[in-house]
Amino acid sequence: MIVSFSTFTDERNIFIGNTDINPSSVVATELSYTIKISNKFCLYHKLFYRNTANEMLFFLEKQQITIGSETQDIFASTIANIGNYTAYGTELRVSYKPFNWWHMYGELVLNRFRQRGSFRGASFDGDGLLVSRRYNTKLLSRSNRNRSI
């Protein structure tokens, strides 16, 4: 990533390393617990905090190069430090097995984030709330009912 020589994947796309890249450092803390209410029902809860300094992102830019007398448009990608990224939130997971052949799983994630930084004059400042959920159910065939998962 730091080698400044270009690599050509094709004649219109190149990757250019960044000798000014700094390593990212992450401070992360998680607190979680699991409650097994019965053989059929289980709750999992987690609180988390992550702070990334010198966050690295890939950038793709359209550039023009001149070879001889011909000018061409190319896409150049590079990696750069853009600033700091902080996230904190909670996860809640539920697992329920009403029958030996039916497994249900649900998950809810709330993630608050804040990003501060810039690259080549473009600001990447932003705040937001990410909410995601997932539900999965699995029905087992007769031949798989007695196997542990």
C-alpha atoms as a PDB file:
ATOM      1  CA  MET A   1       0.000   0.000   0.000  1.00  0.00           C
ATOM      2  CA  ILE A   2       2.899   2.387   0.545  1.00  0.00           C
ATOM      3  CA  VAL A   3       4.911   1.587  -2.596  1.00  0.00           C
ATOM      4  CA  SER A   4       4.435   4.635  -4.788  1.00  0.00           C
ATOM      5  CA  PHE A   5       4.882   2.806  -8.101  1.00  0.00           C
ATOM      6  CA  SER A   6       1.769   2.310 -10.188  1.00  0.00           C
ATOM      7  CA  THR A   7       0.353  -1.097 -10.966  1.00  0.00           C
ATOM      8  CA  PHE A   8      -1.753  -1.571 -14.050  1.00  0.00           C
ATOM      9  CA  THR A   9      -4.697  -3.962 -13.887  1.00  0.00           C
ATOM     10  CA  ASP A  10      -5.716  -2.861 -17.354  1.00  0.00           C
ATOM     11  CA  GLU A  11      -5.007   0.152 -19.535  1.00  0.00           C
ATOM     12  CA  ARG A  12      -7.714   2.279 -17.900  1.00  0.00           C
ATOM     13  CA  ASN A  13      -7.284   1.331 -14.202  1.00  0.00           C
ATOM     14  CA  ILE A  14      -4.179   1.813 -12.058  1.00  0.00           C
ATOM     15  CA  PHE A  15      -3.357   1.559  -8.362  1.00  0.00           C
ATOM     16  CA  ILE A  16      -0.943   4.108  -6.892  1.00  0.00           C
ATOM     17  CA  GLY A  17       0.521   3.506  -3.443  1.00  0.00           C
ATOM     18  CA  ASN A  18       0.698   6.256  -0.840  1.00  0.00           C
ATOM     19  CA  THR A  19       4.049   6.832   0.880  1.00  0.00           C
ATOM     20  CA  ASP A  20       2.366   9.239   3.334  1.00  0.00           C
ATOM     21  CA  ILE A  21       0.013   6.589   4.748  1.00  0.00           C
ATOM     22  CA  ASN A  22       0.059   6.203   8.530  1.00  0.00           C
ATOM     23  CA  PRO A  23      -1.019   3.069  10.389  1.00  0.00           C
ATOM     24  CA  SER A  24      -4.485   3.068  11.893  1.00  0.00           C
ATOM     25  CA  SER A  25      -4.864   2.450  15.583  1.00  0.00           C
ATOM     26  CA  VAL A  26      -8.049   1.090  17.108  1.00  0.00           C
ATOM     27  CA  VAL A  27      -9.209   1.215  20.706  1.00  0.00           C
ATOM     28  CA  ALA A  28     -12.091  -1.220  21.140  1.00  0.00           C
ATOM     29  CA  THR A  29     -14.059  -2.291  24.189  1.00  0.00           C
ATOM     30  CA  GLU A  30     -16.895  -4.803  24.374  1.00  0.00           C
ATOM     31  CA  LEU A  31     -19.024  -5.997  27.247  1.00  0.00           C
ATOM     32  CA  SER A  32     -21.282  -8.958  26.562  1.00  0.00           C
ATOM     33  CA  TYR A  33     -23.265 -11.583  28.369  1.00  0.00           C
ATOM     34  CA  THR A  34     -25.348 -14.605  27.479  1.00  0.00           C
ATOM     35  CA  ILE A  35     -28.405 -15.848  29.337  1.00  0.00           C
ATOM     36  CA  LYS A  36     -29.445 -19.416  28.647  1.00  0.00           C
ATOM     37  CA  ILE A  37     -33.022 -19.517  29.898  1.00  0.00           C
ATOM     38  CA  SER A  38     -33.612 -23.114  28.825  1.00  0.00           C
ATOM     39  CA  ASN A  39     -32.365 -25.633  26.270  1.00  0.00           C
ATOM     40  CA  LYS A  40     -34.692 -23.920  23.805  1.00  0.00           C
ATOM     41  CA  PHE A  41     -34.208 -20.206  24.512  1.00  0.00           C
ATOM     42  CA  CYS A  42     -31.035 -18.096  24.737  1.00  0.00           C
ATOM     43  CA  LEU A  43     -30.425 -14.310  24.930  1.00  0.00           C
ATOM     44  CA  TYR A  44     -27.161 -12.558  24.057  1.00  0.00           C
ATOM     45  CA  HIS A  45     -26.460  -8.878  24.672  1.00  0.00           C
ATOM     46  CA  LYS A  46     -23.388  -6.791  23.840  1.00  0.00           C
ATOM     47  CA  LEU A  47     -22.341  -3.160  24.343  1.00  0.00           C
ATOM     48  CA  PHE A  48     -19.398  -1.909  22.288  1.00  0.00           C
ATOM     49  CA  TYR A  49     -17.185   1.122  21.693  1.00  0.00           C
ATOM     50  CA  ARG A  50     -14.575   1.531  18.921  1.00  0.00           C
ATOM     51  CA  ASN A  51     -12.354   4.509  18.177  1.00  0.00           C
ATOM     52  CA  THR A  52     -10.129   4.436  15.081  1.00  0.00           C
ATOM     53  CA  ALA A  53      -7.408   7.051  14.618  1.00  0.00           C
ATOM     54  CA  ASN A  54      -5.960   7.592  11.119  1.00  0.00           C
ATOM     55  CA  GLU A  55      -8.725   5.590   9.486  1.00  0.00           C
ATOM     56  CA  MET A  56      -7.724   4.347   6.031  1.00  0.00           C
ATOM     57  CA  LEU A  57     -10.032   4.298   3.010  1.00  0.00           C
ATOM     58  CA  PHE A  58      -9.595   3.484  -0.667  1.00  0.00           C
ATOM     59  CA  PHE A  59     -10.279   6.269  -3.175  1.00  0.00           C
ATOM     60  CA  LEU A  60     -10.970   6.087  -6.890  1.00  0.00           C
ATOM     61  CA  GLU A  61     -10.380   9.179  -9.019  1.00  0.00           C
ATOM     62  CA  LYS A  62     -10.834   9.899 -12.691  1.00  0.00           C
ATOM     63  CA  GLN A  63      -7.633  11.400 -14.093  1.00  0.00           C
ATOM     64  CA  GLN A  64      -6.308  12.355 -17.504  1.00  0.00           C
ATOM     65  CA  ILE A  65      -2.887  11.264 -18.689  1.00  0.00           C
ATOM     66  CA  THR A  66      -1.068  12.124 -21.899  1.00  0.00           C
ATOM     67  CA  ILE A  67       0.991   9.483 -23.650  1.00  0.00           C
ATOM     68  CA  GLY A  68       2.747  10.955 -26.668  1.00  0.00           C
ATOM     69  CA  SER A  69       0.145  13.228 -28.195  1.00  0.00           C
ATOM     70  CA  GLU A  70      -2.866  11.239 -27.015  1.00  0.00           C
ATOM     71  CA  THR A  71      -4.817  12.140 -23.855  1.00  0.00           C
ATOM     72  CA  GLN A  72      -6.720   9.353 -22.104  1.00  0.00           C
ATOM     73  CA  ASP A  73      -9.073   9.160 -19.144  1.00  0.00           C
ATOM     74  CA  ILE A  74      -8.021   6.614 -16.512  1.00  0.00           C
ATOM     75  CA  PHE A  75      -9.224   5.615 -13.079  1.00  0.00           C
ATOM     76  CA  ALA A  76      -6.556   5.776 -10.385  1.00  0.00           C
ATOM     77  CA  SER A  77      -7.142   4.194  -6.987  1.00  0.00           C
ATOM     78  CA  THR A  78      -5.121   4.860  -3.861  1.00  0.00           C
ATOM     79  CA  ILE A  79      -5.393   4.518  -0.104  1.00  0.00           C
ATOM     80  CA  ALA A  80      -5.304   7.453   2.317  1.00  0.00           C
ATOM     81  CA  ASN A  81      -5.798   8.399   5.940  1.00  0.00           C
ATOM     82  CA  ILE A  82      -8.942  10.481   6.269  1.00  0.00           C
ATOM     83  CA  GLY A  83      -9.196  11.134  10.013  1.00  0.00           C
ATOM     84  CA  ASN A  84     -10.956   9.576  12.983  1.00  0.00           C
ATOM     85  CA  TYR A  85     -13.947   7.243  13.232  1.00  0.00           C
ATOM     86  CA  THR A  86     -15.839   6.508  16.465  1.00  0.00           C
ATOM     87  CA  ALA A  87     -18.675   4.010  16.874  1.00  0.00           C
ATOM     88  CA  TYR A  88     -20.620   2.750  19.849  1.00  0.00           C
ATOM     89  CA  GLY A  89     -23.759   0.749  20.230  1.00  0.00           C
ATOM     90  CA  THR A  90     -25.503  -2.408  21.281  1.00  0.00           C
ATOM     91  CA  GLU A  91     -26.416  -5.811  19.855  1.00  0.00           C
ATOM     92  CA  LEU A  92     -29.253  -8.034  20.981  1.00  0.00           C
ATOM     93  CA  ARG A  93     -29.525 -11.627  19.752  1.00  0.00           C
ATOM     94  CA  VAL A  94     -32.226 -14.190  20.483  1.00  0.00           C
ATOM     95  CA  SER A  95     -32.051 -17.885  19.718  1.00  0.00           C
ATOM     96  CA  TYR A  96     -35.128 -20.084  20.054  1.00  0.00           C
ATOM     97  CA  LYS A  97     -35.561 -23.764  19.279  1.00  0.00           C
ATOM     98  CA  PRO A  98     -39.265 -24.622  19.734  1.00  0.00           C
ATOM     99  CA  PHE A  99     -38.761 -28.114  18.290  1.00  0.00           C
ATOM    100  CA  ASN A 100     -35.809 -30.327  17.477  1.00  0.00           C
ATOM    101  CA  TRP A 101     -36.356 -29.637  13.776  1.00  0.00           C
ATOM    102  CA  TRP A 102     -37.031 -25.861  13.941  1.00  0.00           C
ATOM    103  CA  HIS A 103     -34.381 -23.276  14.892  1.00  0.00           C
ATOM    104  CA  MET A 104     -35.066 -19.510  14.956  1.00  0.00           C
ATOM    105  CA  TYR A 105     -32.550 -16.709  15.343  1.00  0.00           C
ATOM    106  CA  GLY A 106     -33.070 -12.931  15.526  1.00  0.00           C
ATOM    107  CA  GLU A 107     -30.651 -10.046  15.838  1.00  0.00           C
ATOM    108  CA  LEU A 108     -30.942  -6.275  16.326  1.00  0.00           C
ATOM    109  CA  VAL A 109     -27.939  -3.914  16.103  1.00  0.00           C
ATOM    110  CA  LEU A 110     -27.929  -0.211  16.978  1.00  0.00           C
ATOM    111  CA  ASN A 111     -24.703   1.551  16.011  1.00  0.00           C
ATOM    112  CA  ARG A 112     -24.083   5.290  16.482  1.00  0.00           C
ATOM    113  CA  PHE A 113     -21.058   6.625  14.600  1.00  0.00           C
ATOM    114  CA  ARG A 114     -19.099   9.817  14.069  1.00  0.00           C
ATOM    115  CA  GLN A 115     -16.452  10.382  11.409  1.00  0.00           C
ATOM    116  CA  ARG A 116     -14.192  13.417  11.134  1.00  0.00           C
ATOM    117  CA  GLY A 117     -11.647  13.855   8.379  1.00  0.00           C
ATOM    118  CA  SER A 118     -10.780  15.032   4.904  1.00  0.00           C
ATOM    119  CA  PHE A 119      -8.707  14.077   1.873  1.00  0.00           C
ATOM    120  CA  ARG A 120      -7.617  16.342  -0.999  1.00  0.00           C
ATOM    121  CA  GLY A 121      -9.983  19.065   0.079  1.00  0.00           C
ATOM    122  CA  ALA A 122     -13.042  16.815   0.364  1.00  0.00           C
ATOM    123  CA  SER A 123     -14.655  16.574   3.792  1.00  0.00           C
ATOM    124  CA  PHE A 124     -15.689  13.164   5.121  1.00  0.00           C
ATOM    125  CA  ASP A 125     -17.331  14.509   8.270  1.00  0.00           C
ATOM    126  CA  GLY A 126     -20.482  12.671   9.193  1.00  0.00           C
ATOM    127  CA  ASP A 127     -22.661  11.445  12.029  1.00  0.00           C
ATOM    128  CA  GLY A 128     -25.290   8.788  11.902  1.00  0.00           C
ATOM    129  CA  LEU A 129     -27.216   5.930  13.367  1.00  0.00           C
ATOM    130  CA  LEU A 130     -27.113   2.509  11.778  1.00  0.00           C
ATOM    131  CA  VAL A 131     -29.948   0.154  12.645  1.00  0.00           C
ATOM    132  CA  SER A 132     -29.914  -3.375  11.291  1.00  0.00           C
ATOM    133  CA  ARG A 133     -31.941  -6.448  12.009  1.00  0.00           C
ATOM    134  CA  ARG A 134     -31.905 -10.022  10.863  1.00  0.00           C
ATOM    135  CA  TYR A 135     -34.146 -13.017  11.266  1.00  0.00           C
ATOM    136  CA  ASN A 136     -33.233 -16.540  10.276  1.00  0.00           C
ATOM    137  CA  THR A 137     -35.216 -19.734  10.577  1.00  0.00           C
ATOM    138  CA  LYS A 138     -33.965 -23.202   9.836  1.00  0.00           C
ATOM    139  CA  LEU A 139     -36.128 -26.264   9.291  1.00  0.00           C
ATOM    140  CA  LEU A 140     -34.200 -29.514   9.480  1.00  0.00           C
ATOM    141  CA  SER A 141     -34.992 -32.614   7.484  1.00  0.00           C
ATOM    142  CA  ARG A 142     -35.707 -35.868   9.269  1.00  0.00           C
ATOM    143  CA  SER A 143     -32.176 -37.141   8.640  1.00  0.00           C
ATOM    144  CA  ASN A 144     -30.629 -34.014  10.312  1.00  0.00           C
ATOM    145  CA  ARG A 145     -32.941 -33.691  13.331  1.00  0.00           C
ATOM    146  CA  ASN A 146     -30.825 -35.670  15.745  1.00  0.00           C
ATOM    147  CA  ARG A 147     -27.522 -34.055  14.772  1.00  0.00           C
ATOM    148  CA  SER A 148     -26.181 -31.241  16.911  1.00  0.00           C
ATOM    149  CA  ILE A 149     -25.718 -27.876  15.262  1.00  0.00           C
END
